[in-house]
All heavy atoms as atom14 arrays in JSON, in Angstrom:
{
  "sequence": "ITPGTYSFLGAAAALCGVTKMTVSLVVIMFELT",
  "atom14_mask": [
    [1, 1, 1, 1, 1, 1, 1, 1, 0, 0, 0, 0, 0, 0],
    [1, 1, 1, 1, 1, 1, 1, 0, 0, 0, 0, 0, 0, 0],
    [1, 1, 1, 1, 1, 1, 1, 0, 0, 0, 0, 0, 0, 0],
    [1, 1, 1, 1, 0, 0, 0, 0, 0, 0, 0, 0, 0, 0],
    [1, 1, 1, 1, 1, 1, 1, 0, 0, 0, 0, 0, 0, 0],
    [1, 1, 1, 1, 1, 1, 1, 1, 1, 1, 1, 1, 0, 0],
    [1, 1, 1, 1, 1, 1, 0, 0, 0, 0, 0, 0, 0, 0],
    [1, 1, 1, 1, 1, 1, 1, 1, 1, 1, 1, 0, 0, 0],
    [1, 1, 1, 1, 1, 1, 1, 1, 0, 0, 0, 0, 0, 0],
    [1, 1, 1, 1, 0, 0, 0, 0, 0, 0, 0, 0, 0, 0],
    [1, 1, 1, 1, 1, 0, 0, 0, 0, 0, 0, 0, 0, 0],
    [1, 1, 1, 1, 1, 0, 0, 0, 0, 0, 0, 0, 0, 0],
    [1, 1, 1, 1, 1, 0, 0, 0, 0, 0, 0, 0, 0, 0],
    [1, 1, 1, 1, 1, 0, 0, 0, 0, 0, 0, 0, 0, 0],
    [1, 1, 1, 1, 1, 1, 1, 1, 0, 0, 0, 0, 0, 0],
    [1, 1, 1, 1, 1, 1, 0, 0, 0, 0, 0, 0, 0, 0],
    [1, 1, 1, 1, 0, 0, 0, 0, 0, 0, 0, 0, 0, 0],
    [1, 1, 1, 1, 1, 1, 1, 0, 0, 0, 0, 0, 0, 0],
    [1, 1, 1, 1, 1, 1, 1, 0, 0, 0, 0, 0, 0, 0],
    [1, 1, 1, 1, 1, 1, 1, 1, 1, 0, 0, 0, 0, 0],
    [1, 1, 1, 1, 1, 1, 1, 1, 0, 0, 0, 0, 0, 0],
    [1, 1, 1, 1, 1, 1, 1, 0, 0, 0, 0, 0, 0, 0],
    [1, 1, 1, 1, 1, 1, 1, 0, 0, 0, 0, 0, 0, 0],
    [1, 1, 1, 1, 1, 1, 0, 0, 0, 0, 0, 0, 0, 0],
    [1, 1, 1, 1, 1, 1, 1, 1, 0, 0, 0, 0, 0, 0],
    [1, 1, 1, 1, 1, 1, 1, 0, 0, 0, 0, 0, 0, 0],
    [1, 1, 1, 1, 1, 1, 1, 0, 0, 0, 0, 0, 0, 0],
    [1, 1, 1, 1, 1, 1, 1, 1, 0, 0, 0, 0, 0, 0],
    [1, 1, 1, 1, 1, 1, 1, 1, 0, 0, 0, 0, 0, 0],
    [1, 1, 1, 1, 1, 1, 1, 1, 1, 1, 1, 0, 0, 0],
    [1, 1, 1, 1, 1, 1, 1, 1, 1, 0, 0, 0, 0, 0],
    [1, 1, 1, 1, 1, 1, 1, 1, 0, 0, 0, 0, 0, 0],
    [1, 1, 1, 1, 1, 1, 1, 0, 0, 0, 0, 0, 0, 0]
  ],
  "atom14_positions": [
    [[-17.65, 6.37, -3.75], [-16.57, 5.38, -3.81], [-15.5, 5.86, -4.8], [-15.82, 6.32, -5.9], [-17.11, 4.01, -4.27], [-18.26, 3.56, -3.35], [-15.99, 2.97, -4.26], [-17.86, 3.4, -1.9], [0.0, 0.0, 0.0], [0.0, 0.0, 0.0], [0.0, 0.0, 0.0], [0.0, 0.0, 0.0], [0.0, 0.0, 0.0], [0.0, 0.0, 0.0]],
    [[-14.26, 5.74, -4.38], [-13.12, 6.08, -5.25], [-12.35, 4.8, -5.54], [-11.53, 4.35, -4.72], [-12.2, 7.1, -4.57], [-12.95, 8.24, -4.17], [-11.09, 7.54, -5.52], [0.0, 0.0, 0.0], [0.0, 0.0, 0.0], [0.0, 0.0, 0.0], [0.0, 0.0, 0.0], [0.0, 0.0, 0.0], [0.0, 0.0, 0.0], [0.0, 0.0, 0.0]],
    [[-12.61, 4.14, -6.68], [-11.94, 2.87, -6.96], [-10.42, 2.96, -6.97], [-9.72, 1.99, -6.68], [-12.49, 2.49, -8.34], [-13.78, 3.22, -8.45], [-13.58, 4.51, -7.73], [0.0, 0.0, 0.0], [0.0, 0.0, 0.0], [0.0, 0.0, 0.0], [0.0, 0.0, 0.0], [0.0, 0.0, 0.0], [0.0, 0.0, 0.0], [0.0, 0.0, 0.0]],
    [[-9.89, 4.14, -7.31], [-8.44, 4.29, -7.33], [-7.79, 4.05, -5.99], [-6.68, 3.51, -5.91], [0.0, 0.0, 0.0], [0.0, 0.0, 0.0], [0.0, 0.0, 0.0], [0.0, 0.0, 0.0], [0.0, 0.0, 0.0], [0.0, 0.0, 0.0], [0.0, 0.0, 0.0], [0.0, 0.0, 0.0], [0.0, 0.0, 0.0], [0.0, 0.0, 0.0]],
    [[-8.47, 4.44, -4.9], [-7.91, 4.22, -3.57], [-7.9, 2.74, -3.22], [-7.0, 2.27, -2.51], [-8.71, 5.0, -2.52], [-10.08, 4.56, -2.52], [-8.67, 6.49, -2.81], [0.0, 0.0, 0.0], [0.0, 0.0, 0.0], [0.0, 0.0, 0.0], [0.0, 0.0, 0.0], [0.0, 0.0, 0.0], [0.0, 0.0, 0.0], [0.0, 0.0, 0.0]],
    [[-8.89, 1.99, -3.7], [-8.9, 0.55, -3.48], [-7.71, -0.1, -4.2], [-7.09, -1.03, -3.69], [-10.21, -0.05, -3.98], [-11.39, 0.23, -3.09], [-11.97, 1.48, -3.04], [-11.94, -0.77, -2.28], [-13.06, 1.76, -2.23], [-13.02, -0.52, -1.46], [-13.58, 0.75, -1.43], [-14.64, 1.0, -0.61], [0.0, 0.0, 0.0], [0.0, 0.0, 0.0]],
    [[-7.44, 0.4, -5.41], [-6.29, -0.11, -6.14], [-5.0, 0.19, -5.4], [-4.11, -0.66, -5.29], [-6.25, 0.52, -7.54], [-5.15, 0.05, -8.28], [0.0, 0.0, 0.0], [0.0, 0.0, 0.0], [0.0, 0.0, 0.0], [0.0, 0.0, 0.0], [0.0, 0.0, 0.0], [0.0, 0.0, 0.0], [0.0, 0.0, 0.0], [0.0, 0.0, 0.0]],
    [[-4.92, 1.39, -4.85], [-3.74, 1.8, -4.09], [-3.56, 0.92, -2.85], [-2.46, 0.42, -2.57], [-3.9, 3.27, -3.7], [-3.02, 3.74, -2.6], [-1.7, 4.03, -2.83], [-3.52, 3.9, -1.31], [-0.87, 4.48, -1.82], [-2.71, 4.34, -0.3], [-1.38, 4.63, -0.55], [0.0, 0.0, 0.0], [0.0, 0.0, 0.0], [0.0, 0.0, 0.0]],
    [[-4.64, 0.67, -2.1], [-4.56, -0.16, -0.91], [-4.31, -1.62, -1.26], [-3.63, -2.34, -0.52], [-5.85, -0.02, -0.1], [-6.11, 1.37, 0.51], [-7.48, 1.41, 1.17], [-5.03, 1.72, 1.51], [0.0, 0.0, 0.0], [0.0, 0.0, 0.0], [0.0, 0.0, 0.0], [0.0, 0.0, 0.0], [0.0, 0.0, 0.0], [0.0, 0.0, 0.0]],
    [[-4.86, -2.08, -2.37], [-4.58, -3.45, -2.81], [-3.11, -3.64, -3.14], [-2.53, -4.7, -2.82], [0.0, 0.0, 0.0], [0.0, 0.0, 0.0], [0.0, 0.0, 0.0], [0.0, 0.0, 0.0], [0.0, 0.0, 0.0], [0.0, 0.0, 0.0], [0.0, 0.0, 0.0], [0.0, 0.0, 0.0], [0.0, 0.0, 0.0], [0.0, 0.0, 0.0]],
    [[-2.5, -2.63, -3.76], [-1.06, -2.71, -4.05], [-0.26, -2.79, -2.76], [0.7, -3.57, -2.66], [-0.64, -1.5, -4.88], [0.0, 0.0, 0.0], [0.0, 0.0, 0.0], [0.0, 0.0, 0.0], [0.0, 0.0, 0.0], [0.0, 0.0, 0.0], [0.0, 0.0, 0.0], [0.0, 0.0, 0.0], [0.0, 0.0, 0.0], [0.0, 0.0, 0.0]],
    [[-0.63, -1.99, -1.77], [0.07, -2.03, -0.48], [-0.09, -3.39, 0.19], [0.85, -3.93, 0.77], [-0.44, -0.91, 0.43], [0.0, 0.0, 0.0], [0.0, 0.0, 0.0], [0.0, 0.0, 0.0], [0.0, 0.0, 0.0], [0.0, 0.0, 0.0], [0.0, 0.0, 0.0], [0.0, 0.0, 0.0], [0.0, 0.0, 0.0], [0.0, 0.0, 0.0]],
    [[-1.3, -3.95, 0.13], [-1.56, -5.24, 0.76], [-0.75, -6.35, 0.11], [-0.15, -7.19, 0.79], [-3.05, -5.56, 0.69], [0.0, 0.0, 0.0], [0.0, 0.0, 0.0], [0.0, 0.0, 0.0], [0.0, 0.0, 0.0], [0.0, 0.0, 0.0], [0.0, 0.0, 0.0], [0.0, 0.0, 0.0], [0.0, 0.0, 0.0], [0.0, 0.0, 0.0]],
    [[-0.71, -6.37, -1.21], [0.03, -7.43, -1.9], [1.53, -7.32, -1.61], [2.21, -8.33, -1.41], [-0.23, -7.36, -3.4], [0.0, 0.0, 0.0], [0.0, 0.0, 0.0], [0.0, 0.0, 0.0], [0.0, 0.0, 0.0], [0.0, 0.0, 0.0], [0.0, 0.0, 0.0], [0.0, 0.0, 0.0], [0.0, 0.0, 0.0], [0.0, 0.0, 0.0]],
    [[2.05, -6.1, -1.6], [3.48, -5.92, -1.32], [3.81, -6.32, 0.11], [4.84, -6.96, 0.37], [3.88, -4.46, -1.56], [5.36, -4.13, -1.38], [6.24, -5.03, -2.24], [5.62, -2.66, -1.7], [0.0, 0.0, 0.0], [0.0, 0.0, 0.0], [0.0, 0.0, 0.0], [0.0, 0.0, 0.0], [0.0, 0.0, 0.0], [0.0, 0.0, 0.0]],
    [[2.93, -5.99, 1.05], [3.14, -6.41, 2.44], [3.07, -7.92, 2.57], [3.85, -8.54, 3.3], [2.1, -5.75, 3.34], [2.14, -6.32, 5.06], [0.0, 0.0, 0.0], [0.0, 0.0, 0.0], [0.0, 0.0, 0.0], [0.0, 0.0, 0.0], [0.0, 0.0, 0.0], [0.0, 0.0, 0.0], [0.0, 0.0, 0.0], [0.0, 0.0, 0.0]],
    [[2.14, -8.54, 1.84], [1.98, -9.99, 1.95], [3.2, -10.76, 1.51], [3.54, -11.78, 2.11], [0.0, 0.0, 0.0], [0.0, 0.0, 0.0], [0.0, 0.0, 0.0], [0.0, 0.0, 0.0], [0.0, 0.0, 0.0], [0.0, 0.0, 0.0], [0.0, 0.0, 0.0], [0.0, 0.0, 0.0], [0.0, 0.0, 0.0], [0.0, 0.0, 0.0]],
    [[3.9, -10.27, 0.5], [5.04, -11.02, -0.03], [6.35, -10.64, 0.63], [7.3, -11.42, 0.65], [5.13, -10.83, -1.56], [5.74, -9.49, -1.92], [5.91, -11.96, -2.21], [0.0, 0.0, 0.0], [0.0, 0.0, 0.0], [0.0, 0.0, 0.0], [0.0, 0.0, 0.0], [0.0, 0.0, 0.0], [0.0, 0.0, 0.0], [0.0, 0.0, 0.0]],
    [[6.44, -9.42, 1.2], [7.69, -8.98, 1.83], [7.61, -8.88, 3.34], [8.64, -8.82, 4.0], [8.1, -7.61, 1.27], [7.11, -6.63, 1.65], [8.26, -7.65, -0.24], [0.0, 0.0, 0.0], [0.0, 0.0, 0.0], [0.0, 0.0, 0.0], [0.0, 0.0, 0.0], [0.0, 0.0, 0.0], [0.0, 0.0, 0.0], [0.0, 0.0, 0.0]],
    [[6.4, -8.79, 3.9], [6.14, -8.6, 5.33], [6.66, -7.24, 5.82], [6.95, -7.07, 7.0], [6.76, -9.73, 6.15], [6.19, -11.11, 5.82], [4.69, -11.18, 6.06], [4.11, -12.52, 5.66], [4.51, -13.61, 6.53], [0.0, 0.0, 0.0], [0.0, 0.0, 0.0], [0.0, 0.0, 0.0], [0.0, 0.0, 0.0], [0.0, 0.0, 0.0]],
    [[6.8, -6.28, 4.92], [7.12, -4.91, 5.32], [5.9, -4.29, 5.98], [4.77, -4.54, 5.56], [7.53, -4.08, 4.09], [8.81, -4.52, 3.43], [9.01, -3.83, 1.76], [8.84, -2.07, 2.07], [0.0, 0.0, 0.0], [0.0, 0.0, 0.0], [0.0, 0.0, 0.0], [0.0, 0.0, 0.0], [0.0, 0.0, 0.0], [0.0, 0.0, 0.0]],
    [[6.12, -3.46, 6.99], [4.99, -2.85, 7.7], [5.15, -1.34, 7.78], [4.6, -0.6, 6.98], [4.85, -3.45, 9.11], [6.11, -3.37, 9.79], [4.42, -4.91, 9.04], [0.0, 0.0, 0.0], [0.0, 0.0, 0.0], [0.0, 0.0, 0.0], [0.0, 0.0, 0.0], [0.0, 0.0, 0.0], [0.0, 0.0, 0.0], [0.0, 0.0, 0.0]],
    [[5.93, -0.88, 8.75], [6.08, 0.57, 8.98], [6.67, 1.24, 7.76], [6.18, 2.29, 7.3], [6.95, 0.83, 10.22], [7.15, 2.33, 10.42], [6.33, 0.22, 11.46], [0.0, 0.0, 0.0], [0.0, 0.0, 0.0], [0.0, 0.0, 0.0], [0.0, 0.0, 0.0], [0.0, 0.0, 0.0], [0.0, 0.0, 0.0], [0.0, 0.0, 0.0]],
    [[7.73, 0.69, 7.21], [8.36, 1.3, 6.04], [7.4, 1.34, 4.86], [7.4, 2.3, 4.08], [9.63, 0.53, 5.66], [9.35, -0.83, 5.42], [0.0, 0.0, 0.0], [0.0, 0.0, 0.0], [0.0, 0.0, 0.0], [0.0, 0.0, 0.0], [0.0, 0.0, 0.0], [0.0, 0.0, 0.0], [0.0, 0.0, 0.0], [0.0, 0.0, 0.0]],
    [[6.55, 0.33, 4.72], [5.6, 0.3, 3.6], [4.55, 1.39, 3.75], [4.17, 2.03, 2.77], [4.95, -1.08, 3.52], [3.93, -1.27, 2.4], [4.55, -0.96, 1.05], [3.39, -2.7, 2.4], [0.0, 0.0, 0.0], [0.0, 0.0, 0.0], [0.0, 0.0, 0.0], [0.0, 0.0, 0.0], [0.0, 0.0, 0.0], [0.0, 0.0, 0.0]],
    [[4.06, 1.61, 4.98], [3.09, 2.68, 5.21], [3.67, 4.02, 4.79], [3.03, 4.84, 4.13], [2.65, 2.71, 6.68], [1.8, 3.95, 6.97], [1.87, 1.45, 7.04], [0.0, 0.0, 0.0], [0.0, 0.0, 0.0], [0.0, 0.0, 0.0], [0.0, 0.0, 0.0], [0.0, 0.0, 0.0], [0.0, 0.0, 0.0], [0.0, 0.0, 0.0]],
    [[4.93, 4.25, 5.18], [5.57, 5.52, 4.84], [5.79, 5.63, 3.33], [5.58, 6.7, 2.74], [6.91, 5.66, 5.6], [7.65, 6.91, 5.16], [6.67, 5.69, 7.09], [0.0, 0.0, 0.0], [0.0, 0.0, 0.0], [0.0, 0.0, 0.0], [0.0, 0.0, 0.0], [0.0, 0.0, 0.0], [0.0, 0.0, 0.0], [0.0, 0.0, 0.0]],
    [[6.2, 4.54, 2.69], [6.4, 4.57, 1.24], [5.09, 4.91, 0.53], [5.06, 5.76, -0.38], [6.95, 3.21, 0.75], [8.41, 3.04, 1.17], [6.83, 3.1, -0.77], [8.97, 1.66, 0.88], [0.0, 0.0, 0.0], [0.0, 0.0, 0.0], [0.0, 0.0, 0.0], [0.0, 0.0, 0.0], [0.0, 0.0, 0.0], [0.0, 0.0, 0.0]],
    [[4.0, 4.27, 0.92], [2.72, 4.53, 0.27], [2.24, 5.95, 0.55], [1.62, 6.59, -0.31], [1.68, 3.51, 0.74], [2.04, 2.06, 0.49], [2.52, 1.68, -1.23], [0.94, 1.82, -2.07], [0.0, 0.0, 0.0], [0.0, 0.0, 0.0], [0.0, 0.0, 0.0], [0.0, 0.0, 0.0], [0.0, 0.0, 0.0], [0.0, 0.0, 0.0]],
    [[2.54, 6.45, 1.74], [2.17, 7.84, 2.04], [2.97, 8.81, 1.17], [2.42, 9.78, 0.63], [2.42, 8.14, 3.52], [2.44, 9.62, 3.84], [1.3, 10.38, 3.74], [3.62, 10.24, 4.2], [1.32, 11.74, 4.02], [3.66, 11.59, 4.48], [2.5, 12.35, 4.38], [0.0, 0.0, 0.0], [0.0, 0.0, 0.0], [0.0, 0.0, 0.0]],
    [[4.26, 8.55, 1.0], [5.07, 9.44, 0.17], [4.69, 9.35, -1.3], [4.91, 10.3, -2.06], [6.55, 9.11, 0.36], [7.09, 9.49, 1.73], [8.59, 9.29, 1.86], [9.0, 8.13, 2.08], [9.33, 10.27, 1.74], [0.0, 0.0, 0.0], [0.0, 0.0, 0.0], [0.0, 0.0, 0.0], [0.0, 0.0, 0.0], [0.0, 0.0, 0.0]],
    [[4.12, 8.22, -1.71], [3.65, 8.09, -3.08], [2.41, 8.94, -3.34], [2.19, 9.42, -4.45], [3.34, 6.63, -3.4], [4.52, 5.72, -3.73], [4.05, 4.29, -3.89], [5.24, 6.18, -4.97], [0.0, 0.0, 0.0], [0.0, 0.0, 0.0], [0.0, 0.0, 0.0], [0.0, 0.0, 0.0], [0.0, 0.0, 0.0], [0.0, 0.0, 0.0]],
    [[1.56, 9.1, -2.32], [0.28, 9.78, -2.51], [0.25, 11.16, -1.87], [-0.44, 12.05, -2.36], [-0.86, 8.94, -1.91], [-0.64, 8.78, -0.5], [-0.9, 7.58, -2.55], [0.0, 0.0, 0.0], [0.0, 0.0, 0.0], [0.0, 0.0, 0.0], [0.0, 0.0, 0.0], [0.0, 0.0, 0.0], [0.0, 0.0, 0.0], [0.0, 0.0, 0.0]]
  ]
}
């Protein structure tokens, strides 16, 4: 288990939940990692 990846995915989920960004958010998170 890599807890850091859960933190990364939790950040993406929370940002999507409040903004409803989808495709652009996936690309942003990919460019971050």
